[in-house]
């Protein structure tokens, strides 16, 4: 339980920019509000954004540890690994992450051990249904392109599963990586040259960070973007397959550990 008079501090660590992840973190705030915790009143949120520079994650995680936060919330496996390396015994709760066993973050789902827990919302197990959705809406499609940030090595599990599932559905997968925002336009050029008929941005904050750019390029190149984030349906160029983030989910998980 919380000590009397102690205002808990939650550290948030993201490789993306603050504007790119604003919707997600606003949902966290709302989830905490639903549980009776209001930022600036009885809980403090401390934010650290790497602005696309994955090499800064360890430094930013160390800053949060020095500030003696009570819990760290990292987004993406690279941020989780940075927090795990820098934050000692501080509990780590991830709202966005790949399969934690496959990526080596925990020993097993039944007995994870250590200080890390969270929600595997970026699991490779969701890739086959997503490709099935592409086949349903584009029955004549032959090739799709997956795009992901090259610094997030955990996304390779998704790429491998897309390739494994594609043959059963009569599809080919063109895997494209980008290391900086400036490279996204050239990725669409490669997708067009490769005759991709749909684009699947993998589950990475930097894809969300550049969602508007990706949507505009989708219109220009006439290649639809199939995203798993339903909120992107409001943007031009997108179709969404599911909704993976409920505002209370991460907040409730954080507070079940903190209480």
C-alpha atoms as a PDB file:
ATOM      1  CA  UNK A   1       0.000   0.000   0.000  1.00  0.00           C
ATOM      2  CA  UNK A   2       1.072   3.631  -0.461  1.00  0.00           C
ATOM      3  CA  UNK A   3       2.694   5.317   2.534  1.00  0.00           C
ATOM      4  CA  UNK A   4       0.560   8.035   4.123  1.00  0.00           C
ATOM      5  CA  UNK A   5       1.430  11.383   2.546  1.00  0.00           C
ATOM      6  CA  UNK A   6       3.510   9.842  -0.228  1.00  0.00           C
ATOM      7  CA  UNK A   7       2.557  10.927  -3.757  1.00  0.00           C
ATOM      8  CA  UNK A   8       3.505   8.044  -6.065  1.00  0.00           C
ATOM      9  CA  UNK A   9       5.638   8.890  -9.082  1.00  0.00           C
ATOM     10  CA  UNK A  10       5.202   7.086 -12.392  1.00  0.00           C
ATOM     11  CA  UNK A  11       7.988   7.359 -14.969  1.00  0.00           C
ATOM     12  CA  UNK A  12       7.040   7.011 -18.639  1.00  0.00           C
ATOM     13  CA  UNK A  13       9.717   6.095 -21.186  1.00  0.00           C
ATOM     14  CA  UNK A  14       9.078   6.197 -24.937  1.00  0.00           C
ATOM     15  CA  UNK A  15      11.347   6.167 -28.000  1.00  0.00           C
ATOM     16  CA  UNK A  16       8.861   8.362 -29.882  1.00  0.00           C
ATOM     17  CA  UNK A  17       8.053  12.058 -29.632  1.00  0.00           C
ATOM     18  CA  UNK A  18       5.558  13.474 -27.167  1.00  0.00           C
ATOM     19  CA  UNK A  19       3.052  14.573 -29.878  1.00  0.00           C
ATOM     20  CA  UNK A  20       3.194  11.154 -31.531  1.00  0.00           C
ATOM     21  CA  UNK A  21       2.238   9.328 -28.331  1.00  0.00           C
ATOM     22  CA  UNK A  22      -0.043  11.978 -26.853  1.00  0.00           C
ATOM     23  CA  UNK A  23      -3.234   9.986 -27.448  1.00  0.00           C
ATOM     24  CA  UNK A  24      -1.828   6.921 -25.682  1.00  0.00           C
ATOM     25  CA  UNK A  25      -0.627   8.804 -22.628  1.00  0.00           C
ATOM     26  CA  UNK A  26      -3.852  10.792 -22.411  1.00  0.00           C
ATOM     27  CA  UNK A  27      -5.625   7.438 -22.234  1.00  0.00           C
ATOM     28  CA  UNK A  28      -3.325   6.472 -19.356  1.00  0.00           C
ATOM     29  CA  UNK A  29      -4.203   9.698 -17.550  1.00  0.00           C
ATOM     30  CA  UNK A  30      -7.908   9.031 -18.061  1.00  0.00           C
ATOM     31  CA  UNK A  31      -7.522   5.463 -16.838  1.00  0.00           C
ATOM     32  CA  UNK A  32      -5.803   6.670 -13.682  1.00  0.00           C
ATOM     33  CA  UNK A  33      -8.527   9.283 -13.231  1.00  0.00           C
ATOM     34  CA  UNK A  34     -11.137   6.522 -13.399  1.00  0.00           C
ATOM     35  CA  UNK A  35      -9.309   4.842 -10.514  1.00  0.00           C
ATOM     36  CA  UNK A  36      -9.294   8.050  -8.472  1.00  0.00           C
ATOM     37  CA  UNK A  37      -5.759   9.258  -9.245  1.00  0.00           C
ATOM     38  CA  UNK A  38      -5.257  12.719 -10.739  1.00  0.00           C
ATOM     39  CA  UNK A  39      -1.954  14.026 -12.052  1.00  0.00           C
ATOM     40  CA  UNK A  40      -0.724  16.936  -9.967  1.00  0.00           C
ATOM     41  CA  UNK A  41      -2.946  15.934  -7.049  1.00  0.00           C
ATOM     42  CA  UNK A  42      -2.311  12.406  -5.781  1.00  0.00           C
ATOM     43  CA  UNK A  43      -0.025  11.035  -8.494  1.00  0.00           C
ATOM     44  CA  UNK A  44       2.954  12.476 -10.387  1.00  0.00           C
ATOM     45  CA  UNK A  45       3.759  11.510 -13.986  1.00  0.00           C
ATOM     46  CA  UNK A  46       7.324  12.031 -15.182  1.00  0.00           C
ATOM     47  CA  UNK A  47       7.793  11.831 -18.936  1.00  0.00           C
ATOM     48  CA  UNK A  48      10.891  10.989 -20.960  1.00  0.00           C
ATOM     49  CA  UNK A  49      10.724  10.866 -24.780  1.00  0.00           C
ATOM     50  CA  UNK A  50      13.700   9.878 -26.942  1.00  0.00           C
ATOM     51  CA  UNK A  51      12.359  11.684 -30.046  1.00  0.00           C
ATOM     52  CA  UNK A  52      13.201   8.765 -32.301  1.00  0.00           C
ATOM     53  CA  UNK A  53      16.715   8.265 -30.922  1.00  0.00           C
ATOM     54  CA  UNK A  54      16.735   4.741 -29.529  1.00  0.00           C
ATOM     55  CA  UNK A  55      20.314   5.213 -28.381  1.00  0.00           C
ATOM     56  CA  UNK A  56      19.053   7.650 -25.732  1.00  0.00           C
ATOM     57  CA  UNK A  57      16.700   5.202 -24.034  1.00  0.00           C
ATOM     58  CA  UNK A  58      19.237   3.878 -21.535  1.00  0.00           C
ATOM     59  CA  UNK A  59      20.231   7.413 -20.516  1.00  0.00           C
ATOM     60  CA  UNK A  60      16.594   8.438 -20.070  1.00  0.00           C
ATOM     61  CA  UNK A  61      15.797   5.286 -18.097  1.00  0.00           C
ATOM     62  CA  UNK A  62      18.720   6.090 -15.782  1.00  0.00           C
ATOM     63  CA  UNK A  63      17.269   9.579 -15.271  1.00  0.00           C
ATOM     64  CA  UNK A  64      13.977   8.073 -14.149  1.00  0.00           C
ATOM     65  CA  UNK A  65      15.819   5.766 -11.743  1.00  0.00           C
ATOM     66  CA  UNK A  66      17.695   8.725 -10.233  1.00  0.00           C
ATOM     67  CA  UNK A  67      14.384  10.504  -9.744  1.00  0.00           C
ATOM     68  CA  UNK A  68      13.278   7.499  -7.667  1.00  0.00           C
ATOM     69  CA  UNK A  69      10.035   6.847  -9.500  1.00  0.00           C
ATOM     70  CA  UNK A  70       7.826   4.120  -8.042  1.00  0.00           C
ATOM     71  CA  UNK A  71       7.012   2.452 -11.376  1.00  0.00           C
ATOM     72  CA  UNK A  72       8.371   2.764 -14.924  1.00  0.00           C
ATOM     73  CA  UNK A  73       6.110   2.438 -17.983  1.00  0.00           C
ATOM     74  CA  UNK A  74       8.223   1.827 -21.106  1.00  0.00           C
ATOM     75  CA  UNK A  75       6.813   1.591 -24.636  1.00  0.00           C
ATOM     76  CA  UNK A  76       8.396  -0.970 -27.017  1.00  0.00           C
ATOM     77  CA  UNK A  77      10.888  -3.747 -26.237  1.00  0.00           C
ATOM     78  CA  UNK A  78      13.970  -1.473 -26.627  1.00  0.00           C
ATOM     79  CA  UNK A  79      12.540   0.865 -23.985  1.00  0.00           C
ATOM     80  CA  UNK A  80      11.653  -2.105 -21.776  1.00  0.00           C
ATOM     81  CA  UNK A  81      15.216  -3.419 -22.040  1.00  0.00           C
ATOM     82  CA  UNK A  82      16.636   0.022 -21.214  1.00  0.00           C
ATOM     83  CA  UNK A  83      14.396   0.264 -18.134  1.00  0.00           C
ATOM     84  CA  UNK A  84      15.310  -3.275 -17.097  1.00  0.00           C
ATOM     85  CA  UNK A  85      19.025  -2.424 -17.327  1.00  0.00           C
ATOM     86  CA  UNK A  86      18.879   0.962 -15.599  1.00  0.00           C
ATOM     87  CA  UNK A  87      16.093   0.795 -13.048  1.00  0.00           C
ATOM     88  CA  UNK A  88      17.210  -1.932 -10.641  1.00  0.00           C
ATOM     89  CA  UNK A  89      14.327  -3.148  -8.477  1.00  0.00           C
ATOM     90  CA  UNK A  90      11.802  -0.554  -9.691  1.00  0.00           C
ATOM     91  CA  UNK A  91       8.700  -2.343 -11.088  1.00  0.00           C
ATOM     92  CA  UNK A  92       8.360  -2.088 -14.872  1.00  0.00           C
ATOM     93  CA  UNK A  93       4.931  -2.238 -16.535  1.00  0.00           C
ATOM     94  CA  UNK A  94       4.720  -2.106 -20.335  1.00  0.00           C
ATOM     95  CA  UNK A  95       1.449  -1.160 -22.105  1.00  0.00           C
ATOM     96  CA  UNK A  96       2.907  -1.901 -25.562  1.00  0.00           C
ATOM     97  CA  UNK A  97       5.264  -4.798 -26.169  1.00  0.00           C
ATOM     98  CA  UNK A  98       5.994  -7.918 -28.185  1.00  0.00           C
ATOM     99  CA  UNK A  99       5.699 -11.431 -26.793  1.00  0.00           C
ATOM    100  CA  UNK A 100       7.718 -11.071 -23.558  1.00  0.00           C
ATOM    101  CA  UNK A 101       8.895 -14.697 -23.596  1.00  0.00           C
ATOM    102  CA  UNK A 102       9.950 -14.738 -27.260  1.00  0.00           C
ATOM    103  CA  UNK A 103      11.870 -11.477 -26.811  1.00  0.00           C
ATOM    104  CA  UNK A 104      13.615 -12.712 -23.650  1.00  0.00           C
ATOM    105  CA  UNK A 105      12.080 -10.176 -21.287  1.00  0.00           C
ATOM    106  CA  UNK A 106      10.618 -12.790 -18.918  1.00  0.00           C
ATOM    107  CA  UNK A 107      11.294 -16.469 -18.272  1.00  0.00           C
ATOM    108  CA  UNK A 108       7.682 -17.571 -18.780  1.00  0.00           C
ATOM    109  CA  UNK A 109       4.158 -16.174 -18.707  1.00  0.00           C
ATOM    110  CA  UNK A 110       3.278 -18.324 -15.689  1.00  0.00           C
ATOM    111  CA  UNK A 111       6.381 -17.354 -13.665  1.00  0.00           C
ATOM    112  CA  UNK A 112       7.865 -14.223 -15.239  1.00  0.00           C
ATOM    113  CA  UNK A 113      10.147 -13.447 -12.297  1.00  0.00           C
ATOM    114  CA  UNK A 114      12.108 -10.211 -11.948  1.00  0.00           C
ATOM    115  CA  UNK A 115      10.506  -6.772 -12.101  1.00  0.00           C
ATOM    116  CA  UNK A 116       8.872  -6.787 -15.550  1.00  0.00           C
ATOM    117  CA  UNK A 117       5.192  -7.311 -16.396  1.00  0.00           C
ATOM    118  CA  UNK A 118       2.713  -5.861 -18.864  1.00  0.00           C
ATOM    119  CA  UNK A 119       0.581  -6.510 -21.922  1.00  0.00           C
ATOM    120  CA  UNK A 120       1.929  -8.208 -25.057  1.00  0.00           C
ATOM    121  CA  UNK A 121      -0.075  -6.088 -27.481  1.00  0.00           C
ATOM    122  CA  UNK A 122       2.472  -6.403 -30.303  1.00  0.00           C
ATOM    123  CA  UNK A 123       2.504 -10.209 -30.392  1.00  0.00           C
ATOM    124  CA  UNK A 124       3.492 -12.076 -33.545  1.00  0.00           C
ATOM    125  CA  UNK A 125       0.427 -14.274 -32.908  1.00  0.00           C
ATOM    126  CA  UNK A 126      -1.783 -11.476 -34.267  1.00  0.00           C
ATOM    127  CA  UNK A 127      -0.037 -11.408 -37.648  1.00  0.00           C
ATOM    128  CA  UNK A 128      -1.896 -14.261 -39.328  1.00  0.00           C
ATOM    129  CA  UNK A 129      -5.381 -12.826 -38.562  1.00  0.00           C
ATOM    130  CA  UNK A 130      -4.209  -9.440 -39.827  1.00  0.00           C
ATOM    131  CA  UNK A 131      -3.066 -10.921 -43.124  1.00  0.00           C
ATOM    132  CA  UNK A 132      -6.381 -12.755 -43.286  1.00  0.00           C
ATOM    133  CA  UNK A 133      -8.117  -9.387 -43.018  1.00  0.00           C
ATOM    134  CA  UNK A 134      -6.046  -8.130 -45.975  1.00  0.00           C
ATOM    135  CA  UNK A 135      -7.095 -11.172 -48.001  1.00  0.00           C
ATOM    136  CA  UNK A 136     -10.768 -10.576 -47.118  1.00  0.00           C
ATOM    137  CA  UNK A 137     -10.825  -6.928 -48.217  1.00  0.00           C
ATOM    138  CA  UNK A 138      -8.380  -7.291 -51.118  1.00  0.00           C
ATOM    139  CA  UNK A 139      -9.154 -10.765 -52.520  1.00  0.00           C
ATOM    140  CA  UNK A 140      -7.041 -10.216 -55.659  1.00  0.00           C
ATOM    141  CA  UNK A 141      -3.960  -8.900 -53.838  1.00  0.00           C
ATOM    142  CA  UNK A 142      -0.675 -10.745 -54.403  1.00  0.00           C
ATOM    143  CA  UNK A 143       1.864  -8.738 -52.419  1.00  0.00           C
ATOM    144  CA  UNK A 144       1.838  -6.673 -49.212  1.00  0.00           C
ATOM    145  CA  UNK A 145       4.615  -4.614 -47.660  1.00  0.00           C
ATOM    146  CA  UNK A 146       5.414  -4.509 -43.953  1.00  0.00           C
ATOM    147  CA  UNK A 147       7.223  -1.446 -42.606  1.00  0.00           C
ATOM    148  CA  UNK A 148       8.957  -1.110 -39.268  1.00  0.00           C
ATOM    149  CA  UNK A 149      11.612   0.868 -37.444  1.00  0.00           C
ATOM    150  CA  UNK A 150      14.929  -0.949 -37.783  1.00  0.00           C
ATOM    151  CA  UNK A 151      16.017  -0.179 -34.182  1.00  0.00           C
ATOM    152  CA  UNK A 152      13.151  -2.268 -32.789  1.00  0.00           C
ATOM    153  CA  UNK A 153      14.598  -5.748 -33.317  1.00  0.00           C
ATOM    154  CA  UNK A 154      11.620  -7.402 -31.612  1.00  0.00           C
ATOM    155  CA  UNK A 155       9.479  -6.569 -34.646  1.00  0.00           C
ATOM    156  CA  UNK A 156      11.396  -9.173 -36.650  1.00  0.00           C
ATOM    157  CA  UNK A 157       9.231 -11.795 -34.924  1.00  0.00           C
ATOM    158  CA  UNK A 158       6.228 -10.202 -36.610  1.00  0.00           C
ATOM    159  CA  UNK A 159       7.978 -10.042 -39.983  1.00  0.00           C
ATOM    160  CA  UNK A 160       8.866 -13.746 -39.756  1.00  0.00           C
ATOM    161  CA  UNK A 161       5.295 -14.677 -38.843  1.00  0.00           C
ATOM    162  CA  UNK A 162       3.895 -12.578 -41.718  1.00  0.00           C
ATOM    163  CA  UNK A 163       6.176 -14.454 -44.110  1.00  0.00           C
ATOM    164  CA  UNK A 164       5.221 -17.823 -42.636  1.00  0.00           C
ATOM    165  CA  UNK A 165       1.500 -17.066 -42.894  1.00  0.00           C
ATOM    166  CA  UNK A 166       1.581 -15.356 -46.287  1.00  0.00           C
ATOM    167  CA  UNK A 167       2.041 -18.513 -48.346  1.00  0.00           C
ATOM    168  CA  UNK A 168      -1.105 -20.107 -46.932  1.00  0.00           C
ATOM    169  CA  UNK A 169      -3.066 -17.040 -48.013  1.00  0.00           C
ATOM    170  CA  UNK A 170      -1.518 -16.738 -51.458  1.00  0.00           C
ATOM    171  CA  UNK A 171       0.404 -13.585 -50.557  1.00  0.00           C
ATOM    172  CA  UNK A 172       4.006 -12.403 -50.648  1.00  0.00           C
ATOM    173  CA  UNK A 173       5.457 -10.088 -47.993  1.00  0.00           C
ATOM    174  CA  UNK A 174       7.915  -7.331 -48.852  1.00  0.00           C
ATOM    175  CA  UNK A 175       9.709  -6.330 -45.622  1.00  0.00           C
ATOM    176  CA  UNK A 176      10.854  -2.686 -45.496  1.00  0.00           C
ATOM    177  CA  UNK A 177      12.753  -1.013 -42.643  1.00  0.00           C
ATOM    178  CA  UNK A 178      13.329   2.640 -41.865  1.00  0.00           C
ATOM    179  CA  UNK A 179      15.779   4.162 -39.406  1.00  0.00           C
ATOM    180  CA  UNK A 180      14.621   7.794 -39.579  1.00  0.00           C
ATOM    181  CA  UNK A 181      11.438   9.675 -40.432  1.00  0.00           C
ATOM    182  CA  UNK A 182      13.055  11.028 -43.583  1.00  0.00           C
ATOM    183  CA  UNK A 183      13.233   7.489 -44.998  1.00  0.00           C
ATOM    184  CA  UNK A 184       9.480   6.825 -44.916  1.00  0.00           C
ATOM    185  CA  UNK A 185       8.845   8.401 -48.323  1.00  0.00           C
ATOM    186  CA  UNK A 186      11.541   6.242 -49.935  1.00  0.00           C
ATOM    187  CA  UNK A 187       9.918   3.185 -48.317  1.00  0.00           C
ATOM    188  CA  UNK A 188       6.691   3.975 -50.142  1.00  0.00           C
ATOM    189  CA  UNK A 189       8.677   4.305 -53.356  1.00  0.00           C
ATOM    190  CA  UNK A 190      10.110   0.826 -52.765  1.00  0.00           C
ATOM    191  CA  UNK A 191       6.648  -0.522 -51.957  1.00  0.00           C
ATOM    192  CA  UNK A 192       5.285   0.937 -55.196  1.00  0.00           C
ATOM    193  CA  UNK A 193       8.198  -0.445 -57.233  1.00  0.00           C
ATOM    194  CA  UNK A 194       7.654  -3.825 -55.576  1.00  0.00           C
ATOM    195  CA  UNK A 195       3.981  -3.664 -56.617  1.00  0.00           C
ATOM    196  CA  UNK A 196       2.727  -3.910 -53.033  1.00  0.00           C
ATOM    197  CA  UNK A 197      -1.065  -3.645 -52.903  1.00  0.00           C
ATOM    198  CA  UNK A 198      -1.297  -2.909 -49.173  1.00  0.00           C
ATOM    199  CA  UNK A 199       1.035  -1.701 -46.437  1.00  0.00           C
ATOM    200  CA  UNK A 200       1.159  -3.092 -42.898  1.00  0.00           C
ATOM    201  CA  UNK A 201       2.950  -0.769 -40.444  1.00  0.00           C
ATOM    202  CA  UNK A 202       4.225  -2.963 -37.621  1.00  0.00           C
ATOM    203  CA  UNK A 203       3.325  -2.127 -34.033  1.00  0.00           C
ATOM    204  CA  UNK A 204       5.907   0.491 -33.166  1.00  0.00           C
ATOM    205  CA  UNK A 205       5.502   3.961 -31.604  1.00  0.00           C
ATOM    206  CA  UNK A 206       7.503   5.545 -34.418  1.00  0.00           C
ATOM    207  CA  UNK A 207       4.958   4.270 -36.941  1.00  0.00           C
ATOM    208  CA  UNK A 208       2.279   5.970 -34.828  1.00  0.00           C
ATOM    209  CA  UNK A 209       4.476   9.038 -34.502  1.00  0.00           C
ATOM    210  CA  UNK A 210       4.462   9.361 -38.303  1.00  0.00           C
ATOM    211  CA  UNK A 211       0.890   8.195 -38.868  1.00  0.00           C
ATOM    212  CA  UNK A 212      -0.196  11.327 -40.759  1.00  0.00           C
ATOM    213  CA  UNK A 213       2.823  11.181 -43.055  1.00  0.00           C
ATOM    214  CA  UNK A 214       2.199   7.501 -43.767  1.00  0.00           C
ATOM    215  CA  UNK A 215      -1.490   8.225 -44.458  1.00  0.00           C
ATOM    216  CA  UNK A 216      -0.682  11.037 -46.905  1.00  0.00           C
ATOM    217  CA  UNK A 217       1.831   8.867 -48.759  1.00  0.00           C
ATOM    218  CA  UNK A 218      -0.779   6.118 -48.900  1.00  0.00           C
ATOM    219  CA  UNK A 219      -3.120   8.477 -50.785  1.00  0.00           C
ATOM    220  CA  UNK A 220      -0.369   9.721 -53.104  1.00  0.00           C
ATOM    221  CA  UNK A 221       0.865   6.221 -53.928  1.00  0.00           C
ATOM    222  CA  UNK A 222      -2.634   4.707 -53.911  1.00  0.00           C
ATOM    223  CA  UNK A 223      -1.581   1.915 -51.539  1.00  0.00           C
ATOM    224  CA  UNK A 224      -3.947   1.393 -48.572  1.00  0.00           C
ATOM    225  CA  UNK A 225      -2.447   1.145 -45.084  1.00  0.00           C
ATOM    226  CA  UNK A 226      -3.858  -1.624 -42.887  1.00  0.00           C
ATOM    227  CA  UNK A 227      -3.300  -0.684 -39.258  1.00  0.00           C
ATOM    228  CA  UNK A 228      -4.246  -2.444 -36.032  1.00  0.00           C
ATOM    229  CA  UNK A 229      -4.999   0.867 -34.308  1.00  0.00           C
ATOM    230  CA  UNK A 230      -8.654   1.777 -34.739  1.00  0.00           C
ATOM    231  CA  UNK A 231      -8.116   5.429 -33.878  1.00  0.00           C
ATOM    232  CA  UNK A 232      -6.173   5.771 -37.163  1.00  0.00           C
ATOM    233  CA  UNK A 233      -9.369   5.132 -39.122  1.00  0.00           C
ATOM    234  CA  UNK A 234      -9.944   8.875 -38.857  1.00  0.00           C
ATOM    235  CA  UNK A 235      -6.846   9.512 -40.965  1.00  0.00           C
ATOM    236  CA  UNK A 236      -6.875   9.355 -44.759  1.00  0.00           C
ATOM    237  CA  UNK A 237      -5.355   6.234 -46.249  1.00  0.00           C
ATOM    238  CA  UNK A 238      -6.003   3.892 -43.301  1.00  0.00           C
ATOM    239  CA  UNK A 239      -8.104   0.851 -42.597  1.00  0.00           C
ATOM    240  CA  UNK A 240      -7.990  -0.551 -39.045  1.00  0.00           C
ATOM    241  CA  UNK A 241      -8.373  -4.163 -37.972  1.00  0.00           C
ATOM    242  CA  UNK A 242      -8.808  -3.948 -34.212  1.00  0.00           C
ATOM    243  CA  UNK A 243      -8.549  -1.873 -31.057  1.00  0.00           C
ATOM    244  CA  UNK A 244      -5.754  -2.944 -28.740  1.00  0.00           C
ATOM    245  CA  UNK A 245      -5.661  -0.275 -26.089  1.00  0.00           C
ATOM    246  CA  UNK A 246      -8.353   0.281 -23.488  1.00  0.00           C
ATOM    247  CA  UNK A 247      -7.737   3.260 -21.298  1.00  0.00           C
ATOM    248  CA  UNK A 248      -8.128   1.412 -18.008  1.00  0.00           C
ATOM    249  CA  UNK A 249      -5.989  -1.586 -18.928  1.00  0.00           C
ATOM    250  CA  UNK A 250      -2.517  -0.165 -18.357  1.00  0.00           C
ATOM    251  CA  UNK A 251      -3.670   2.089 -15.521  1.00  0.00           C
ATOM    252  CA  UNK A 252      -5.341  -0.784 -13.669  1.00  0.00           C
ATOM    253  CA  UNK A 253      -2.286  -2.978 -14.115  1.00  0.00           C
ATOM    254  CA  UNK A 254       0.000  -0.221 -12.823  1.00  0.00           C
ATOM    255  CA  UNK A 255      -2.142   0.367  -9.803  1.00  0.00           C
ATOM    256  CA  UNK A 256      -2.608  -3.294  -8.942  1.00  0.00           C
ATOM    257  CA  UNK A 257       1.180  -3.454  -8.598  1.00  0.00           C
ATOM    258  CA  UNK A 258       1.549  -0.113  -6.844  1.00  0.00           C
ATOM    259  CA  UNK A 259      -1.181  -0.710  -4.252  1.00  0.00           C
END
